[in-house]
N, C-alpha and C. Protein backbone atom coordinates (compact mmCIF):
# COMPACT_ATOMS: atom_id res chain seq x y z
N MET A 1 -12.04 8.65 4.00
CA MET A 1 -11.86 7.35 4.62
C MET A 1 -11.18 7.58 5.96
N GLY A 2 -11.74 6.99 7.01
CA GLY A 2 -11.22 7.16 8.35
C GLY A 2 -10.14 6.15 8.70
N PHE A 3 -9.66 6.27 9.95
CA PHE A 3 -8.57 5.44 10.45
C PHE A 3 -8.91 3.95 10.38
N GLY A 4 -10.01 3.56 10.98
CA GLY A 4 -10.40 2.15 11.02
C GLY A 4 -10.70 1.59 9.64
N ALA A 5 -11.41 2.37 8.84
CA ALA A 5 -11.76 1.91 7.49
C ALA A 5 -10.51 1.74 6.63
N SER A 6 -9.54 2.60 6.82
CA SER A 6 -8.29 2.49 6.06
C SER A 6 -7.52 1.23 6.41
N ILE A 7 -7.42 0.95 7.71
CA ILE A 7 -6.71 -0.25 8.14
C ILE A 7 -7.42 -1.49 7.62
N LYS A 8 -8.75 -1.49 7.73
CA LYS A 8 -9.53 -2.64 7.24
C LYS A 8 -9.36 -2.81 5.74
N SER A 9 -9.37 -1.70 5.01
CA SER A 9 -9.22 -1.76 3.55
C SER A 9 -7.85 -2.31 3.15
N VAL A 10 -6.80 -1.81 3.80
CA VAL A 10 -5.44 -2.26 3.46
C VAL A 10 -5.25 -3.73 3.82
N LEU A 11 -5.71 -4.12 4.99
CA LEU A 11 -5.53 -5.51 5.41
C LEU A 11 -6.41 -6.47 4.61
N SER A 12 -7.55 -6.00 4.11
CA SER A 12 -8.39 -6.87 3.28
C SER A 12 -7.79 -7.01 1.87
N ASN A 13 -6.96 -6.06 1.48
CA ASN A 13 -6.22 -6.13 0.21
C ASN A 13 -4.77 -6.43 0.52
N TYR A 14 -4.55 -7.40 1.38
CA TYR A 14 -3.25 -7.71 1.98
C TYR A 14 -2.10 -7.73 0.97
N ALA A 15 -2.28 -8.42 -0.14
CA ALA A 15 -1.20 -8.54 -1.14
C ALA A 15 -1.68 -8.13 -2.52
N THR A 16 -2.59 -7.17 -2.57
CA THR A 16 -3.13 -6.69 -3.84
C THR A 16 -2.29 -5.50 -4.31
N PHE A 17 -1.52 -5.72 -5.36
CA PHE A 17 -0.65 -4.67 -5.88
C PHE A 17 -1.28 -3.96 -7.07
N SER A 18 -2.46 -4.38 -7.49
CA SER A 18 -3.13 -3.73 -8.62
C SER A 18 -4.19 -2.79 -8.08
N GLY A 19 -4.58 -1.84 -8.89
CA GLY A 19 -5.58 -0.87 -8.47
C GLY A 19 -4.95 0.39 -7.92
N ARG A 20 -5.79 1.16 -7.24
CA ARG A 20 -5.37 2.46 -6.74
C ARG A 20 -5.76 2.62 -5.27
N ALA A 21 -5.01 3.43 -4.54
CA ALA A 21 -5.31 3.71 -3.13
C ALA A 21 -5.36 5.22 -2.92
N ARG A 22 -6.38 5.65 -2.21
CA ARG A 22 -6.51 7.08 -1.89
C ARG A 22 -5.42 7.51 -0.91
N ARG A 23 -5.19 8.80 -0.87
CA ARG A 23 -4.19 9.32 0.07
C ARG A 23 -4.57 8.99 1.50
N SER A 24 -5.85 9.15 1.83
CA SER A 24 -6.27 8.89 3.21
C SER A 24 -6.04 7.44 3.60
N GLU A 25 -6.31 6.51 2.68
CA GLU A 25 -6.07 5.09 2.96
C GLU A 25 -4.59 4.85 3.25
N PHE A 26 -3.74 5.40 2.41
CA PHE A 26 -2.31 5.23 2.58
C PHE A 26 -1.81 5.86 3.86
N TRP A 27 -2.14 7.11 4.13
CA TRP A 27 -1.58 7.83 5.28
C TRP A 27 -2.13 7.31 6.61
N TRP A 28 -3.41 6.94 6.67
CA TRP A 28 -3.93 6.36 7.91
C TRP A 28 -3.26 5.04 8.21
N PHE A 29 -3.03 4.19 7.20
CA PHE A 29 -2.35 2.93 7.43
C PHE A 29 -0.89 3.17 7.82
N THR A 30 -0.27 4.17 7.23
CA THR A 30 1.11 4.51 7.59
C THR A 30 1.18 4.95 9.05
N LEU A 31 0.20 5.72 9.50
CA LEU A 31 0.15 6.13 10.91
C LEU A 31 -0.03 4.90 11.81
N PHE A 32 -0.92 3.99 11.44
CA PHE A 32 -1.14 2.76 12.18
C PHE A 32 0.16 1.96 12.30
N HIS A 33 0.86 1.82 11.19
CA HIS A 33 2.12 1.06 11.18
C HIS A 33 3.17 1.77 12.03
N LEU A 34 3.23 3.08 11.96
CA LEU A 34 4.18 3.86 12.77
C LEU A 34 3.89 3.72 14.26
N LEU A 35 2.61 3.73 14.62
CA LEU A 35 2.24 3.57 16.03
C LEU A 35 2.68 2.20 16.56
N ILE A 36 2.52 1.18 15.74
CA ILE A 36 2.98 -0.16 16.14
C ILE A 36 4.51 -0.18 16.21
N PHE A 37 5.16 0.41 15.23
CA PHE A 37 6.62 0.41 15.15
C PHE A 37 7.24 1.09 16.37
N ILE A 38 6.62 2.16 16.82
CA ILE A 38 7.16 2.90 17.98
C ILE A 38 6.55 2.41 19.29
N GLY A 39 5.26 2.13 19.28
CA GLY A 39 4.55 1.79 20.50
C GLY A 39 4.94 0.47 21.12
N MET A 40 5.14 -0.55 20.29
CA MET A 40 5.46 -1.88 20.84
C MET A 40 6.80 -1.89 21.58
N PRO A 41 7.87 -1.32 21.05
CA PRO A 41 9.12 -1.29 21.82
C PRO A 41 9.01 -0.48 23.12
N VAL A 42 8.24 0.60 23.09
CA VAL A 42 8.05 1.41 24.30
C VAL A 42 7.31 0.58 25.35
N LEU A 43 6.27 -0.12 24.92
CA LEU A 43 5.52 -0.98 25.82
C LEU A 43 6.39 -2.13 26.33
N ASN A 44 7.22 -2.65 25.47
CA ASN A 44 8.13 -3.73 25.85
C ASN A 44 9.10 -3.27 26.94
N VAL A 45 9.66 -2.09 26.78
CA VAL A 45 10.59 -1.54 27.78
C VAL A 45 9.84 -1.31 29.09
N ALA A 46 8.63 -0.79 29.01
CA ALA A 46 7.86 -0.54 30.23
C ALA A 46 7.56 -1.84 30.97
N LEU A 47 7.25 -2.90 30.24
CA LEU A 47 6.94 -4.17 30.87
C LEU A 47 8.17 -4.85 31.44
N THR A 48 9.29 -4.75 30.74
CA THR A 48 10.50 -5.42 31.23
C THR A 48 11.15 -4.66 32.37
N ALA A 49 10.87 -3.38 32.52
CA ALA A 49 11.45 -2.60 33.61
C ALA A 49 10.91 -3.07 34.95
N SER A 50 9.66 -3.52 34.98
CA SER A 50 9.06 -3.97 36.24
C SER A 50 9.23 -5.47 36.45
N ASP A 51 9.75 -6.17 35.45
CA ASP A 51 9.93 -7.62 35.51
C ASP A 51 11.34 -7.94 35.99
N SER A 52 11.46 -8.85 36.95
CA SER A 52 12.78 -9.18 37.48
C SER A 52 13.64 -9.96 36.49
N THR A 53 13.00 -10.66 35.53
CA THR A 53 13.79 -11.43 34.56
C THR A 53 14.29 -10.56 33.42
N GLY A 54 13.64 -9.44 33.18
CA GLY A 54 14.08 -8.54 32.10
C GLY A 54 13.70 -9.02 30.71
N THR A 55 12.77 -9.96 30.64
CA THR A 55 12.33 -10.45 29.34
C THR A 55 10.83 -10.25 29.18
N SER A 56 10.41 -10.10 27.96
CA SER A 56 9.00 -9.93 27.66
C SER A 56 8.71 -10.57 26.31
N PRO A 57 7.58 -11.25 26.21
CA PRO A 57 7.23 -11.85 24.92
C PRO A 57 6.82 -10.81 23.87
N LEU A 58 6.68 -9.56 24.27
CA LEU A 58 6.27 -8.52 23.32
C LEU A 58 7.30 -8.30 22.21
N GLY A 59 8.56 -8.54 22.49
CA GLY A 59 9.58 -8.38 21.45
C GLY A 59 9.35 -9.33 20.30
N VAL A 60 9.00 -10.56 20.62
CA VAL A 60 8.71 -11.55 19.58
C VAL A 60 7.42 -11.18 18.85
N VAL A 61 6.41 -10.78 19.61
CA VAL A 61 5.13 -10.38 19.01
C VAL A 61 5.34 -9.20 18.07
N HIS A 62 6.15 -8.23 18.50
CA HIS A 62 6.43 -7.07 17.66
C HIS A 62 7.13 -7.47 16.37
N GLY A 63 8.11 -8.35 16.48
CA GLY A 63 8.82 -8.82 15.29
C GLY A 63 7.89 -9.52 14.31
N LEU A 64 7.03 -10.38 14.83
CA LEU A 64 6.07 -11.09 13.97
C LEU A 64 5.06 -10.14 13.35
N LEU A 65 4.62 -9.15 14.12
CA LEU A 65 3.67 -8.17 13.60
C LEU A 65 4.30 -7.33 12.49
N GLU A 66 5.54 -6.90 12.68
CA GLU A 66 6.23 -6.14 11.64
C GLU A 66 6.42 -6.98 10.38
N LEU A 67 6.73 -8.24 10.57
CA LEU A 67 6.88 -9.16 9.45
C LEU A 67 5.56 -9.30 8.68
N ALA A 68 4.47 -9.37 9.43
CA ALA A 68 3.15 -9.51 8.82
C ALA A 68 2.71 -8.24 8.09
N LEU A 69 3.23 -7.08 8.51
CA LEU A 69 2.80 -5.81 7.90
C LEU A 69 3.67 -5.38 6.72
N ILE A 70 4.73 -6.11 6.42
CA ILE A 70 5.59 -5.73 5.29
C ILE A 70 4.81 -5.77 3.98
N LEU A 71 4.14 -6.88 3.71
CA LEU A 71 3.44 -7.04 2.44
C LEU A 71 2.30 -6.04 2.25
N PRO A 72 1.41 -5.85 3.23
CA PRO A 72 0.36 -4.83 3.02
C PRO A 72 0.92 -3.42 2.89
N SER A 73 2.03 -3.13 3.58
CA SER A 73 2.64 -1.80 3.46
C SER A 73 3.18 -1.56 2.06
N LEU A 74 3.84 -2.57 1.50
CA LEU A 74 4.33 -2.45 0.12
C LEU A 74 3.17 -2.34 -0.86
N ALA A 75 2.13 -3.15 -0.64
CA ALA A 75 0.99 -3.15 -1.56
C ALA A 75 0.27 -1.80 -1.57
N VAL A 76 0.04 -1.22 -0.40
CA VAL A 76 -0.67 0.06 -0.36
C VAL A 76 0.21 1.17 -0.95
N GLN A 77 1.53 1.08 -0.78
CA GLN A 77 2.42 2.08 -1.39
C GLN A 77 2.38 1.98 -2.91
N VAL A 78 2.37 0.76 -3.44
CA VAL A 78 2.29 0.59 -4.89
C VAL A 78 0.94 1.10 -5.41
N ARG A 79 -0.14 0.80 -4.70
CA ARG A 79 -1.47 1.30 -5.13
C ARG A 79 -1.52 2.82 -5.04
N ARG A 80 -0.84 3.40 -4.06
CA ARG A 80 -0.79 4.87 -3.94
C ARG A 80 -0.04 5.47 -5.13
N LEU A 81 1.06 4.83 -5.53
CA LEU A 81 1.79 5.28 -6.72
C LEU A 81 0.90 5.17 -7.95
N HIS A 82 0.14 4.09 -8.05
CA HIS A 82 -0.77 3.92 -9.19
C HIS A 82 -1.80 5.05 -9.23
N ASP A 83 -2.28 5.49 -8.07
CA ASP A 83 -3.28 6.56 -8.05
C ASP A 83 -2.72 7.85 -8.63
N ALA A 84 -1.43 8.08 -8.42
CA ALA A 84 -0.78 9.27 -8.98
C ALA A 84 -0.24 8.99 -10.38
N GLU A 85 -0.60 7.85 -10.93
CA GLU A 85 -0.25 7.40 -12.28
C GLU A 85 1.25 7.15 -12.47
N PHE A 86 1.85 6.55 -11.44
CA PHE A 86 3.23 6.11 -11.52
C PHE A 86 3.26 4.60 -11.40
N SER A 87 4.23 3.98 -12.02
CA SER A 87 4.40 2.54 -11.92
C SER A 87 4.84 2.17 -10.50
N GLY A 88 4.46 0.99 -10.07
CA GLY A 88 4.89 0.50 -8.77
C GLY A 88 6.39 0.31 -8.67
N TRP A 89 7.05 0.20 -9.81
CA TRP A 89 8.51 0.05 -9.82
C TRP A 89 9.21 1.29 -9.26
N TRP A 90 8.52 2.42 -9.20
CA TRP A 90 9.09 3.62 -8.60
C TRP A 90 9.42 3.40 -7.13
N LEU A 91 8.84 2.38 -6.53
CA LEU A 91 9.12 2.08 -5.13
C LEU A 91 10.60 1.76 -4.92
N LEU A 92 11.26 1.28 -5.95
CA LEU A 92 12.69 0.95 -5.85
C LEU A 92 13.58 2.18 -5.67
N ILE A 93 13.03 3.36 -5.96
CA ILE A 93 13.81 4.58 -5.78
C ILE A 93 14.14 4.80 -4.30
N ALA A 94 13.43 4.12 -3.42
CA ALA A 94 13.68 4.25 -1.98
C ALA A 94 15.10 3.81 -1.61
N PHE A 95 15.74 3.03 -2.46
CA PHE A 95 17.10 2.57 -2.18
C PHE A 95 18.14 3.66 -2.40
N ILE A 96 17.75 4.78 -3.00
CA ILE A 96 18.66 5.92 -3.15
C ILE A 96 18.53 6.77 -1.89
N PRO A 97 19.59 6.89 -1.12
CA PRO A 97 19.48 7.63 0.15
C PRO A 97 18.96 9.05 -0.04
N PHE A 98 18.11 9.48 0.87
CA PHE A 98 17.49 10.79 0.96
C PHE A 98 16.63 11.13 -0.25
N VAL A 99 17.21 11.14 -1.44
CA VAL A 99 16.47 11.52 -2.65
C VAL A 99 15.31 10.56 -2.89
N GLY A 100 15.55 9.27 -2.67
CA GLY A 100 14.51 8.27 -2.89
C GLY A 100 13.34 8.45 -1.95
N ALA A 101 13.63 8.63 -0.67
CA ALA A 101 12.57 8.81 0.32
C ALA A 101 11.80 10.10 0.06
N LEU A 102 12.50 11.16 -0.29
CA LEU A 102 11.86 12.43 -0.59
C LEU A 102 10.96 12.32 -1.81
N THR A 103 11.43 11.63 -2.84
CA THR A 103 10.64 11.44 -4.06
C THR A 103 9.37 10.65 -3.74
N LEU A 104 9.50 9.57 -2.99
CA LEU A 104 8.32 8.78 -2.64
C LEU A 104 7.35 9.58 -1.78
N PHE A 105 7.88 10.41 -0.89
CA PHE A 105 7.00 11.27 -0.09
C PHE A 105 6.20 12.21 -0.98
N VAL A 106 6.87 12.84 -1.93
CA VAL A 106 6.17 13.77 -2.85
C VAL A 106 5.11 13.02 -3.65
N PHE A 107 5.45 11.84 -4.16
CA PHE A 107 4.48 11.05 -4.91
C PHE A 107 3.29 10.65 -4.04
N SER A 108 3.55 10.41 -2.76
CA SER A 108 2.49 9.96 -1.85
C SER A 108 1.53 11.07 -1.46
N VAL A 109 1.98 12.32 -1.47
CA VAL A 109 1.10 13.42 -1.11
C VAL A 109 0.40 14.04 -2.32
N MET A 110 0.81 13.64 -3.51
CA MET A 110 0.18 14.16 -4.72
C MET A 110 -1.26 13.67 -4.82
N ASP A 111 -2.12 14.52 -5.36
CA ASP A 111 -3.50 14.12 -5.61
C ASP A 111 -3.51 13.09 -6.73
N GLY A 112 -4.38 12.12 -6.63
CA GLY A 112 -4.50 11.11 -7.67
C GLY A 112 -5.11 11.71 -8.94
N THR A 113 -4.95 11.00 -10.04
CA THR A 113 -5.52 11.48 -11.29
C THR A 113 -7.04 11.40 -11.21
N HIS A 114 -7.70 12.40 -11.77
CA HIS A 114 -9.15 12.44 -11.80
C HIS A 114 -9.65 11.45 -12.84
N GLY A 115 -10.64 10.65 -12.47
CA GLY A 115 -11.18 9.68 -13.40
C GLY A 115 -10.28 8.46 -13.49
N PRO A 116 -10.66 7.53 -14.33
CA PRO A 116 -9.85 6.30 -14.44
C PRO A 116 -8.50 6.57 -15.10
N ASN A 117 -7.52 5.76 -14.74
CA ASN A 117 -6.23 5.79 -15.42
C ASN A 117 -5.87 4.35 -15.77
N LYS A 118 -4.68 4.12 -16.25
CA LYS A 118 -4.31 2.79 -16.72
C LYS A 118 -4.23 1.76 -15.60
N TYR A 119 -4.29 2.21 -14.34
CA TYR A 119 -4.21 1.29 -13.21
C TYR A 119 -5.57 0.98 -12.59
N GLY A 120 -6.61 1.63 -13.06
CA GLY A 120 -7.95 1.33 -12.54
C GLY A 120 -8.82 2.56 -12.43
N SER A 121 -9.99 2.34 -11.85
CA SER A 121 -10.93 3.45 -11.71
C SER A 121 -10.52 4.34 -10.54
N ASP A 122 -11.04 5.55 -10.55
CA ASP A 122 -10.73 6.52 -9.51
C ASP A 122 -11.38 6.09 -8.20
N PRO A 123 -10.60 5.92 -7.12
CA PRO A 123 -11.21 5.51 -5.85
C PRO A 123 -12.15 6.57 -5.27
N LYS A 124 -12.03 7.81 -5.74
CA LYS A 124 -12.93 8.87 -5.28
C LYS A 124 -14.13 9.05 -6.21
N ASP A 125 -14.21 8.27 -7.27
CA ASP A 125 -15.29 8.34 -8.26
C ASP A 125 -15.47 9.76 -8.82
N ARG A 126 -14.35 10.40 -9.18
CA ARG A 126 -14.40 11.74 -9.77
C ARG A 126 -14.42 11.62 -11.29
N GLU A 127 -14.94 12.63 -11.90
CA GLU A 127 -14.94 12.70 -13.36
C GLU A 127 -13.57 13.18 -13.83
N PRO A 128 -13.12 12.71 -15.01
CA PRO A 128 -11.84 13.21 -15.54
C PRO A 128 -11.89 14.72 -15.75
N GLN A 129 -10.78 15.38 -15.51
CA GLN A 129 -10.71 16.82 -15.73
C GLN A 129 -10.46 17.09 -17.20
N ASN A 130 -11.12 18.13 -17.70
CA ASN A 130 -10.94 18.53 -19.09
C ASN A 130 -10.17 19.83 -19.09
N PHE A 131 -9.03 19.82 -19.70
CA PHE A 131 -8.19 21.01 -19.75
C PHE A 131 -8.34 21.75 -21.08
N GLY A 132 -9.45 21.54 -21.74
CA GLY A 132 -9.72 22.22 -23.00
C GLY A 132 -8.84 21.74 -24.14
N PRO A 133 -8.44 22.66 -25.02
CA PRO A 133 -7.67 22.24 -26.21
C PRO A 133 -6.29 21.72 -25.86
N LEU A 134 -5.81 21.96 -24.64
CA LEU A 134 -4.49 21.48 -24.26
C LEU A 134 -4.55 20.10 -23.61
N ALA A 135 -5.74 19.51 -23.59
CA ALA A 135 -5.89 18.19 -22.94
C ALA A 135 -5.06 17.14 -23.64
N TYR A 136 -4.56 16.22 -22.87
CA TYR A 136 -3.80 15.12 -23.42
C TYR A 136 -4.53 13.83 -23.09
N SER A 137 -4.20 12.78 -23.79
CA SER A 137 -4.90 11.51 -23.52
C SER A 137 -3.99 10.50 -22.90
């Protein structure tokens, strides 16, 4: 899934906390959000530096955009956790300094479970892996 398709997918599932999200969907949207988070203030400073009043409407636009992106960001993170077969409640671990962010990062880079899991079908349409006699259900 590419950059544009990921953004479209996340925004079309604006507040959908059920199902699963591929790593590419999550990371491309995270990059998009990061570019807005960093780019808008930089653009705002550039515009206000040449303006004699020192004000720019971009600050308000940036605030509203960040507000609008909170819900889809949370939703895609929960769906990403579901893909790795973790409950969305694991998102609350982010409130533990350093350890929480590191744990969520590890969960976000993990490959999703092959085949369907309790949160939905595999977004990559892969067959479940069979580990032979040691397989668990």
